[in-house]
Amino acid sequence: MAELMAELTVAQTAARMAELTVAQTAELTVAQTAELTVAQTAELTAGQTVAQTAAPFAEGSVLDRLIDVDRNEFASQYWGQQPLLSPVANLHGRFAELLDANAIDELVSQRGLRTPFLRVAKNGVTLADKAFTAPGGVGAGIADQVSEDMLVRLFADGSTLVLQALHRTWPPILEFCQELAAELGHPVQANAYVTPPQNQGFSAHYDVHDVFVLQIDGEKRWRIHSPVLVSPLRDQAWNDRKADVAKRAEEPPLMEAVLQPGDCLYLPRGYLHAATALGGVSTHLTLGIHVWTRFALAQQLLEQALRTIAGDPVIRTSLPLGADVSDPTQMRPDFEVVTAILADAVKHSDIDHMSESLLQRARLNQRAAPVGPLKQLRDADTLSVDTAIVLRAHLAATVDHSGSRIVVRSRAGELVVAEDDIGPLKALLANGVATAGDLGLDLARRLLLAGLAIVE
């Protein structure tokens, strides 16, 4: 490419621009889009869905605890398409081990939470942080810790408590969310909503992520309406469509149900919902599924294509002297040239490279299983050849030896290893466990201190 760029004279550049006519641009576009008709796209989507979900539930499946239909039926009929209410009678027990009233009291009164780990709302409006936070006291040096004294008054007065990011602060939920994310292939977060009797936490709205609603305590009436925007993206929030949302919420609901403890409701992104506590205090846990979308793939395609065409001198060519960029007629020839070159770059994209880029993003979206710094150091200092070394869960680790160095990349960061380490290391990644003797004591110790492995 460098030699080609050097050989492109001004005359050659002009000639190439002339060759990329409107007809060729249209031909490129039609050729690419004609390959997939609407029907074929639907067939492809259905085929991919079935292929990805045809395997039966793994032993100990967490998804199996949330739905009362077959996995394949959920994948083809509900996932991203329509709500599903699964009554506790059809599920495998309740969810008390994930969260209960005592856990909530402990979180807000003894764990030193700060915003945004807690929000408080009343009549659909989120209160200012100062309404429920106060200085942490002597030695804390923190001015915005959650105040349980303020919460007592606010909760008694009808405010809803929203415990955010419980996948980071409460161990049972952390583990559950990590397992669910691994099973679904999409990142998962968790919030809890604790609503006083006869109160509605938030007015009708929609989320830009799918949710599983797990009713923990009490009862809550849910009113579900069809979307005003199907499958909204992350920057297409409901506040931008308040009038449409309010109008849709006045229509008869698509679904209305009272959730009992142990019930689970699945809602694809975009479905309007509002919930009201009945009788007593009601608590539900919302698992937010931040789904990967084809739009995310399109973004990746375009990012790679833009990096590719940046090496093309035709793209880097200055616009004519006196160019009026606001004049569509004057700009059309240049847009046609850019469209053709960009379309060609997209067509010849490196899918493997894009997958690696997506893997890097996926690593940032979730965390590996927790490890304790003190235990890791203690275990590293007491290794023997018989010590069982276990690959850290949810690590998303790969070995990259394409460059001058051999690097293990994972959610724990990067670790450079030697050529002799490749065999034992790949065996650990494949099997999940090895003895320190099989790995070599030096490599085993480095894996522990790098957070790639643990000693059970």
Protein backbone atom coordinates (compact mmCIF):
# COMPACT_ATOMS: atom_id res chain seq x y z
CA MET A 1 0.00 0.00 0.00
CA ALA A 2 2.83 2.40 0.80
CA GLU A 3 4.43 1.81 -2.63
CA LEU A 4 1.09 2.25 -4.37
CA MET A 5 0.48 5.51 -2.53
CA ALA A 6 3.90 6.79 -3.50
CA GLU A 7 3.26 6.04 -7.20
CA LEU A 8 -0.06 7.88 -7.33
CA THR A 9 0.71 11.13 -9.10
CA VAL A 10 -1.74 13.99 -9.35
CA ALA A 11 -2.71 12.81 -12.82
CA GLN A 12 -3.30 9.25 -11.62
CA THR A 13 -5.37 10.53 -8.72
CA ALA A 14 -7.53 12.55 -11.08
CA ALA A 15 -7.90 9.56 -13.37
CA ARG A 16 -9.00 7.32 -10.52
CA MET A 17 -11.55 9.86 -9.37
CA ALA A 18 -12.93 9.99 -12.88
CA GLU A 19 -13.21 6.19 -12.96
CA LEU A 20 -15.41 6.12 -9.86
CA THR A 21 -18.57 7.26 -11.59
CA VAL A 22 -22.09 7.43 -10.28
CA ALA A 23 -22.89 4.21 -12.10
CA GLN A 24 -20.09 2.35 -10.34
CA THR A 25 -21.17 3.71 -6.97
CA ALA A 26 -24.70 2.54 -7.60
CA GLU A 27 -23.41 -0.84 -8.81
CA LEU A 28 -21.45 -1.32 -5.60
CA THR A 29 -24.41 -0.41 -3.43
CA VAL A 30 -26.90 -2.55 -5.34
CA ALA A 31 -24.56 -5.52 -5.47
CA GLN A 32 -24.08 -5.46 -1.72
CA THR A 33 -27.69 -4.95 -0.76
CA ALA A 34 -29.22 -7.26 -3.33
CA GLU A 35 -27.46 -10.21 -1.75
CA LEU A 36 -29.76 -10.03 1.25
CA THR A 37 -33.43 -9.39 0.62
CA VAL A 38 -35.75 -8.73 3.54
CA ALA A 39 -36.91 -12.33 3.52
CA GLN A 40 -33.35 -13.64 3.35
CA THR A 41 -32.30 -11.37 6.20
CA ALA A 42 -35.15 -12.68 8.34
CA GLU A 43 -34.21 -16.25 7.44
CA LEU A 44 -30.56 -15.57 8.29
CA THR A 45 -31.51 -14.03 11.62
CA ALA A 46 -33.75 -16.96 12.53
CA GLY A 47 -31.09 -19.45 11.48
CA GLN A 48 -28.42 -17.73 13.54
CA THR A 49 -30.69 -17.56 16.58
CA VAL A 50 -31.51 -21.26 16.46
CA ALA A 51 -27.89 -22.20 15.83
CA GLN A 52 -26.70 -20.15 18.77
CA THR A 53 -29.30 -21.46 21.20
CA ALA A 54 -29.94 -25.03 20.09
CA ALA A 55 -27.80 -26.46 22.87
CA PRO A 56 -29.75 -27.60 25.96
CA PHE A 57 -29.39 -25.78 29.25
CA ALA A 58 -26.07 -26.29 30.89
CA GLU A 59 -26.18 -27.83 34.33
CA GLY A 60 -26.89 -25.07 36.81
CA SER A 61 -28.15 -22.71 34.09
CA VAL A 62 -29.19 -19.36 35.55
CA LEU A 63 -31.41 -18.52 32.57
CA ASP A 64 -33.38 -21.67 33.35
CA ARG A 65 -34.30 -20.06 36.69
CA LEU A 66 -35.83 -17.01 34.97
CA ILE A 67 -38.06 -18.44 32.23
CA ASP A 68 -40.76 -21.11 32.16
CA VAL A 69 -40.41 -22.00 28.48
CA ASP A 70 -37.90 -24.06 26.54
CA ARG A 71 -34.65 -22.26 25.76
CA ASN A 72 -35.19 -22.54 21.99
CA GLU A 73 -38.73 -21.21 22.30
CA PHE A 74 -37.48 -18.27 24.34
CA ALA A 75 -34.78 -17.56 21.76
CA SER A 76 -37.10 -17.69 18.74
CA GLN A 77 -40.34 -16.28 20.16
CA TYR A 78 -39.43 -13.88 22.99
CA TRP A 79 -35.78 -12.75 22.96
CA GLY A 80 -35.82 -9.13 21.78
CA GLN A 81 -39.40 -9.51 20.52
CA GLN A 82 -42.09 -9.68 23.20
CA PRO A 83 -42.59 -9.87 26.98
CA LEU A 84 -42.74 -13.14 28.89
CA LEU A 85 -44.23 -13.55 32.38
CA SER A 86 -43.04 -16.67 34.18
CA PRO A 87 -45.00 -17.40 37.41
CA VAL A 88 -43.15 -18.72 40.43
CA ALA A 89 -45.14 -21.96 40.25
CA ASN A 90 -43.41 -22.77 36.95
CA LEU A 91 -39.91 -21.75 38.06
CA HIS A 92 -37.27 -23.31 40.28
CA GLY A 93 -37.88 -21.51 43.55
CA ARG A 94 -37.79 -17.88 44.58
CA PHE A 95 -34.91 -15.41 44.62
CA ALA A 96 -34.49 -14.77 48.36
CA GLU A 97 -30.87 -15.96 48.28
CA LEU A 98 -30.05 -13.07 45.93
CA LEU A 99 -31.60 -10.27 47.97
CA ASP A 100 -33.98 -9.77 50.89
CA ALA A 101 -35.08 -7.02 53.31
CA ASN A 102 -32.15 -7.64 55.69
CA ALA A 103 -29.66 -7.36 52.84
CA ILE A 104 -31.18 -4.04 51.75
CA ASP A 105 -31.01 -2.64 55.29
CA GLU A 106 -27.39 -3.75 55.55
CA LEU A 107 -26.46 -2.19 52.22
CA VAL A 108 -27.89 1.25 53.00
CA SER A 109 -26.87 1.42 56.67
CA GLN A 110 -23.56 -0.46 57.03
CA ARG A 111 -21.76 -0.54 53.68
CA GLY A 112 -20.94 3.16 53.33
CA LEU A 113 -22.67 3.46 49.96
CA ARG A 114 -22.30 6.67 47.99
CA THR A 115 -24.15 7.95 44.98
CA PRO A 116 -24.70 6.73 42.31
CA PHE A 117 -24.99 3.36 44.08
CA LEU A 118 -28.28 4.66 45.49
CA ARG A 119 -30.97 6.83 43.98
CA VAL A 120 -34.22 7.96 45.59
CA ALA A 121 -37.36 8.83 43.63
CA LYS A 122 -40.85 10.08 44.45
CA ASN A 123 -43.82 10.49 42.13
CA GLY A 124 -41.61 9.63 39.16
CA VAL A 125 -38.99 12.29 39.97
CA THR A 126 -35.45 11.48 41.10
CA LEU A 127 -34.47 13.43 44.22
CA ALA A 128 -31.27 15.44 44.47
CA ASP A 129 -28.39 13.58 46.10
CA LYS A 130 -28.28 15.99 49.05
CA ALA A 131 -31.78 14.83 50.03
CA PHE A 132 -30.41 11.47 51.23
CA THR A 133 -26.65 11.87 51.72
CA ALA A 134 -24.51 13.36 54.51
CA PRO A 135 -20.84 13.50 55.59
CA GLY A 136 -19.37 10.14 56.55
CA GLY A 137 -18.15 11.25 59.96
CA VAL A 138 -14.75 11.34 61.65
CA GLY A 139 -11.97 9.91 59.53
CA ALA A 140 -14.12 9.33 56.46
CA GLY A 141 -13.44 12.55 54.61
CA ILE A 142 -16.47 11.86 52.41
CA ALA A 143 -19.31 14.35 52.15
CA ASP A 144 -21.87 12.27 50.24
CA GLN A 145 -22.36 8.92 51.95
CA VAL A 146 -25.89 7.56 52.09
CA SER A 147 -27.65 8.61 55.31
CA GLU A 148 -29.92 5.90 56.71
CA ASP A 149 -31.58 8.53 58.95
CA MET A 150 -32.71 10.51 55.90
CA LEU A 151 -33.77 7.32 54.14
CA VAL A 152 -36.03 6.31 57.01
CA ARG A 153 -37.97 9.55 56.69
CA LEU A 154 -38.04 9.55 52.89
CA PHE A 155 -39.14 5.93 52.65
CA ALA A 156 -41.90 6.43 55.22
CA ASP A 157 -43.06 9.43 53.19
CA GLY A 158 -43.48 7.35 50.03
CA SER A 159 -40.12 7.54 48.26
CA THR A 160 -38.72 4.60 46.28
CA LEU A 161 -35.17 3.42 46.96
CA VAL A 162 -33.14 2.38 43.90
CA LEU A 163 -30.04 0.35 44.69
CA GLN A 164 -27.89 0.58 41.58
CA ALA A 165 -25.06 -1.65 40.31
CA LEU A 166 -25.70 -4.46 42.78
CA HIS A 167 -23.61 -6.63 40.45
CA ARG A 168 -20.69 -4.70 41.96
CA THR A 169 -21.71 -4.40 45.62
CA TRP A 170 -23.59 -7.55 46.67
CA PRO A 171 -21.77 -10.91 46.21
CA PRO A 172 -24.76 -13.22 45.48
CA ILE A 173 -26.00 -10.88 42.74
CA LEU A 174 -22.49 -10.36 41.40
CA GLU A 175 -22.05 -14.11 40.86
CA PHE A 176 -25.55 -14.54 39.41
CA CYS A 177 -25.05 -11.71 36.91
CA GLN A 178 -21.67 -13.00 35.81
CA GLU A 179 -23.13 -16.45 35.15
CA LEU A 180 -26.10 -14.99 33.28
CA ALA A 181 -23.87 -12.76 31.15
CA ALA A 182 -21.69 -15.72 30.22
CA GLU A 183 -24.78 -17.73 29.27
CA LEU A 184 -26.49 -15.00 27.26
CA GLY A 185 -23.39 -13.58 25.61
CA HIS A 186 -24.46 -10.05 26.58
CA PRO A 187 -23.36 -7.82 29.53
CA VAL A 188 -25.62 -7.79 32.60
CA GLN A 189 -26.17 -5.24 35.38
CA ALA A 190 -28.50 -5.31 38.41
CA ASN A 191 -30.62 -2.69 40.19
CA ALA A 192 -33.16 -3.17 43.00
CA TYR A 193 -36.31 -1.07 43.41
CA VAL A 194 -37.83 -0.88 46.89
CA THR A 195 -41.24 0.79 46.82
CA PRO A 196 -43.43 1.76 49.80
CA PRO A 197 -47.08 0.60 49.91
CA GLN A 198 -49.42 1.96 47.22
CA ASN A 199 -46.66 3.95 45.52
CA GLN A 200 -45.36 4.07 41.98
CA GLY A 201 -41.62 4.49 41.65
CA PHE A 202 -41.42 5.84 38.11
CA SER A 203 -43.99 6.86 35.52
CA ALA A 204 -44.40 4.91 32.27
CA HIS A 205 -41.11 4.77 30.39
CA TYR A 206 -38.98 2.38 28.39
CA ASP A 207 -35.43 1.11 28.80
CA VAL A 208 -32.76 0.91 26.13
CA HIS A 209 -31.73 -2.53 27.39
CA ASP A 210 -33.66 -5.77 27.90
CA VAL A 211 -34.64 -6.60 31.48
CA PHE A 212 -35.57 -9.54 33.65
CA VAL A 213 -37.72 -8.35 36.57
CA LEU A 214 -37.44 -10.65 39.61
CA GLN A 215 -40.08 -10.01 42.25
CA ILE A 216 -38.38 -10.39 45.63
CA ASP A 217 -40.89 -9.26 48.29
CA GLY A 218 -44.46 -7.99 48.30
CA GLU A 219 -46.60 -7.46 45.23
CA LYS A 220 -46.32 -5.02 42.39
CA ARG A 221 -48.80 -4.28 39.61
CA TRP A 222 -47.16 -3.89 36.20
CA ARG A 223 -48.71 -2.20 33.18
CA ILE A 224 -46.94 -2.95 29.90
CA HIS A 225 -47.51 -1.07 26.64
CA SER A 226 -46.11 -1.73 23.17
CA PRO A 227 -43.07 0.31 22.08
CA VAL A 228 -43.19 3.77 20.54
CA LEU A 229 -39.76 2.89 19.13
CA VAL A 230 -38.92 -0.75 18.45
CA SER A 231 -35.53 -1.92 19.76
CA PRO A 232 -34.16 1.52 20.74
CA LEU A 233 -30.41 2.04 20.75
CA ARG A 234 -28.56 3.31 23.82
CA ASP A 235 -28.75 6.95 22.72
CA GLN A 236 -32.48 6.76 21.91
CA ALA A 237 -33.79 7.30 25.45
CA TRP A 238 -37.46 7.64 26.28
CA ASN A 239 -37.13 11.27 27.48
CA ASP A 240 -36.63 12.26 23.83
CA ARG A 241 -40.11 10.88 23.11
CA LYS A 242 -42.00 11.95 26.23
CA ALA A 243 -45.13 13.01 24.35
CA ASP A 244 -45.36 9.73 22.43
CA VAL A 245 -44.69 7.72 25.61
CA ALA A 246 -47.36 9.61 27.58
CA LYS A 247 -49.90 9.14 24.78
CA ARG A 248 -49.17 5.40 24.46
CA ALA A 249 -49.41 4.98 28.26
CA GLU A 250 -53.01 6.27 28.14
CA GLU A 251 -54.03 3.40 25.83
CA PRO A 252 -55.21 0.01 27.12
CA PRO A 253 -52.12 -1.95 28.21
CA LEU A 254 -50.68 -4.79 26.19
CA MET A 255 -50.23 -6.68 29.47
CA GLU A 256 -51.27 -6.02 33.07
CA ALA A 257 -50.15 -8.34 35.83
CA VAL A 258 -49.53 -8.45 39.56
CA LEU A 259 -46.11 -9.95 40.26
CA GLN A 260 -45.86 -12.19 43.33
CA PRO A 261 -42.61 -13.11 45.11
CA GLY A 262 -40.70 -15.47 42.83
CA ASP A 263 -42.37 -14.35 39.58
CA CYS A 264 -40.12 -13.21 36.74
CA LEU A 265 -41.01 -10.85 33.91
CA TYR A 266 -38.89 -10.50 30.76
CA LEU A 267 -39.21 -7.22 28.84
CA PRO A 268 -37.34 -6.49 25.60
CA ARG A 269 -35.95 -2.97 25.30
CA GLY A 270 -38.48 -0.42 24.15
CA TYR A 271 -41.56 -1.82 25.89
CA LEU A 272 -43.23 0.82 28.08
CA HIS A 273 -43.72 -0.16 31.71
CA ALA A 274 -44.80 1.27 35.06
CA ALA A 275 -45.09 -0.54 38.39
CA THR A 276 -47.10 0.20 41.54
CA ALA A 277 -46.60 -1.47 44.93
CA LEU A 278 -49.70 -3.10 46.42
CA GLY A 279 -50.52 -3.62 50.10
CA GLY A 280 -47.06 -3.52 51.62
CA VAL A 281 -43.44 -2.79 50.77
CA SER A 282 -42.55 -4.24 47.40
CA THR A 283 -39.03 -5.08 46.20
CA HIS A 284 -38.02 -6.22 42.77
CA LEU A 285 -34.61 -6.86 41.25
CA THR A 286 -34.07 -5.76 37.67
CA LEU A 287 -31.37 -7.48 35.63
CA GLY A 288 -30.49 -5.19 32.74
CA ILE A 289 -29.19 -6.96 29.61
CA HIS A 290 -27.11 -4.53 27.54
CA VAL A 291 -27.49 -6.42 24.30
CA TRP A 292 -25.01 -6.42 21.47
CA THR A 293 -26.75 -5.22 18.30
CA ARG A 294 -26.11 -5.19 14.57
CA PHE A 295 -25.72 -1.43 14.95
CA ALA A 296 -22.65 -2.13 17.11
CA LEU A 297 -21.28 -4.31 14.31
CA ALA A 298 -22.01 -1.54 11.81
CA GLN A 299 -20.07 0.90 13.98
CA GLN A 300 -17.14 -1.49 14.05
CA LEU A 301 -17.29 -1.92 10.27
CA LEU A 302 -17.27 1.81 9.69
CA GLU A 303 -14.47 2.45 12.17
CA GLN A 304 -12.25 -0.10 10.43
CA ALA A 305 -13.25 1.17 6.98
CA LEU A 306 -12.38 4.75 7.96
CA ARG A 307 -8.97 3.65 9.22
CA THR A 308 -8.45 1.83 5.92
CA ILE A 309 -9.42 4.65 3.59
CA ALA A 310 -7.30 7.11 5.57
CA GLY A 311 -4.37 5.51 3.76
CA ASP A 312 -5.86 6.38 0.36
CA PRO A 313 -4.56 9.68 -1.15
CA VAL A 314 -7.80 10.05 -3.09
CA ILE A 315 -9.68 10.36 0.19
CA ARG A 316 -7.08 12.75 1.55
CA THR A 317 -7.36 15.01 -1.51
CA SER A 318 -8.38 18.61 -0.78
CA LEU A 319 -11.74 19.82 -2.03
CA PRO A 320 -11.60 22.35 -4.89
CA LEU A 321 -10.65 25.95 -4.23
CA GLY A 322 -13.74 27.93 -3.31
CA ALA A 323 -15.73 24.82 -2.44
CA ASP A 324 -19.14 25.48 -0.94
CA VAL A 325 -19.75 22.50 1.36
CA SER A 326 -23.35 23.63 1.91
CA ASP A 327 -24.18 23.21 -1.80
CA PRO A 328 -25.40 19.62 -2.42
CA THR A 329 -25.04 19.95 -6.19
CA GLN A 330 -21.42 21.06 -5.94
CA MET A 331 -20.56 18.42 -3.35
CA ARG A 332 -22.30 15.48 -5.09
CA PRO A 333 -19.30 14.30 -7.19
CA ASP A 334 -17.05 14.21 -4.13
CA PHE A 335 -19.69 12.40 -2.07
CA GLU A 336 -20.03 9.83 -4.86
CA VAL A 337 -16.27 9.22 -4.88
CA VAL A 338 -16.20 8.86 -1.08
CA THR A 339 -19.25 6.58 -1.11
CA ALA A 340 -17.67 4.21 -3.62
CA ILE A 341 -14.32 4.03 -1.81
CA LEU A 342 -15.99 3.62 1.59
CA ALA A 343 -18.33 0.91 0.29
CA ASP A 344 -15.37 -0.97 -1.16
CA ALA A 345 -13.50 -0.73 2.15
CA VAL A 346 -16.54 -2.08 4.02
CA LYS A 347 -16.93 -4.91 1.51
CA HIS A 348 -13.32 -6.00 2.05
CA SER A 349 -13.27 -5.57 5.83
CA ASP A 350 -11.18 -7.91 7.95
CA ILE A 351 -13.82 -9.77 10.00
CA ASP A 352 -11.21 -11.47 12.18
CA HIS A 353 -9.70 -8.11 13.14
CA MET A 354 -13.14 -6.71 13.93
CA SER A 355 -13.91 -9.68 16.14
CA GLU A 356 -10.74 -9.01 18.11
CA SER A 357 -11.76 -5.36 18.53
CA LEU A 358 -15.21 -6.43 19.73
CA LEU A 359 -13.59 -8.85 22.18
CA GLN A 360 -11.60 -5.94 23.64
CA ARG A 361 -14.84 -4.01 24.12
CA ALA A 362 -16.52 -7.06 25.65
CA ARG A 363 -13.72 -7.34 28.19
CA LEU A 364 -14.40 -3.78 29.32
CA ASN A 365 -18.16 -4.40 29.66
CA GLN A 366 -17.85 -7.11 32.34
CA ARG A 367 -15.43 -7.98 35.13
CA ALA A 368 -13.71 -11.24 35.88
CA ALA A 369 -14.67 -13.15 39.03
CA PRO A 370 -13.49 -11.38 42.22
CA VAL A 371 -10.05 -12.13 43.68
CA GLY A 372 -8.49 -11.05 46.96
CA PRO A 373 -5.06 -9.37 46.79
CA LEU A 374 -3.97 -10.75 50.17
CA LYS A 375 -4.96 -14.32 49.33
CA GLN A 376 -3.31 -14.14 45.90
CA LEU A 377 0.01 -13.07 47.42
CA ARG A 378 -0.25 -15.66 50.19
CA ASP A 379 -1.00 -18.44 47.69
CA ALA A 380 1.81 -17.33 45.40
CA ASP A 381 4.30 -17.49 48.27
CA THR A 382 3.24 -21.00 49.37
CA LEU A 383 3.10 -22.80 46.02
CA SER A 384 4.16 -26.42 45.68
CA VAL A 385 4.27 -28.67 42.61
CA ASP A 386 0.99 -30.29 43.72
CA THR A 387 -0.94 -27.03 44.15
CA ALA A 388 -4.03 -26.94 41.92
CA ILE A 389 -4.08 -23.77 39.81
CA VAL A 390 -7.53 -22.79 38.53
CA LEU A 391 -8.20 -20.36 35.71
CA ARG A 392 -10.03 -17.31 37.04
CA ALA A 393 -13.68 -17.36 35.97
CA HIS A 394 -15.09 -14.96 33.34
CA LEU A 395 -11.59 -13.93 32.31
CA ALA A 396 -12.07 -13.88 28.50
CA ALA A 397 -8.38 -14.72 28.04
CA THR A 398 -6.56 -15.24 24.74
CA VAL A 399 -2.92 -15.74 23.79
CA ASP A 400 -1.54 -13.37 21.15
CA HIS A 401 1.80 -14.28 19.61
CA SER A 402 1.35 -12.41 16.32
CA GLY A 403 3.94 -9.76 17.19
CA SER A 404 7.42 -9.74 18.66
CA ARG A 405 6.07 -10.56 22.13
CA ILE A 406 3.78 -13.32 23.36
CA VAL A 407 0.98 -11.67 25.34
CA VAL A 408 -1.92 -13.07 27.33
CA ARG A 409 -4.81 -10.60 27.08
CA SER A 410 -7.77 -10.77 29.44
CA ARG A 411 -10.07 -8.81 31.72
CA ALA A 412 -7.21 -8.85 34.24
CA GLY A 413 -4.95 -6.96 31.83
CA GLU A 414 -1.94 -8.17 29.84
CA LEU A 415 0.85 -10.55 30.78
CA VAL A 416 3.95 -11.15 28.64
CA VAL A 417 5.08 -14.79 28.66
CA ALA A 418 7.95 -16.78 27.20
CA GLU A 419 7.83 -19.23 24.29
CA ASP A 420 8.26 -22.16 26.68
CA ASP A 421 5.14 -21.08 28.57
CA ILE A 422 2.79 -21.40 25.57
CA GLY A 423 2.08 -25.13 25.86
CA PRO A 424 1.25 -25.22 29.59
CA LEU A 425 -0.63 -21.94 29.34
CA LYS A 426 -2.86 -23.11 26.49
CA ALA A 427 -3.56 -26.32 28.41
CA LEU A 428 -4.72 -24.23 31.39
CA LEU A 429 -6.95 -22.10 29.16
CA ALA A 430 -8.44 -25.22 27.58
CA ASN A 431 -8.92 -27.30 30.73
CA GLY A 432 -9.42 -24.60 33.36
CA VAL A 433 -7.11 -26.30 35.88
CA ALA A 434 -3.53 -27.53 36.14
CA THR A 435 -0.99 -28.26 38.85
CA ALA A 436 1.72 -25.73 39.59
CA GLY A 437 4.21 -28.45 38.66
CA ASP A 438 2.69 -28.86 35.19
CA LEU A 439 2.79 -25.11 34.63
CA GLY A 440 6.15 -24.56 36.24
CA LEU A 441 6.35 -22.83 39.60
CA ASP A 442 7.57 -19.56 38.13
CA LEU A 443 4.72 -19.33 35.58
CA ALA A 444 2.16 -20.43 38.18
CA ARG A 445 3.30 -17.67 40.54
CA ARG A 446 3.16 -15.05 37.79
CA LEU A 447 -0.35 -16.15 36.82
CA LEU A 448 -1.52 -15.75 40.41
CA LEU A 449 0.04 -12.31 40.85
CA ALA A 450 -1.35 -11.18 37.49
CA GLY A 451 -4.86 -12.23 38.53
CA LEU A 452 -5.20 -14.80 35.74
CA ALA A 453 -5.50 -17.80 38.04
CA ILE A 454 -6.42 -18.67 41.62
CA VAL A 455 -5.81 -21.43 44.14
CA GLU A 456 -9.06 -22.92 45.36
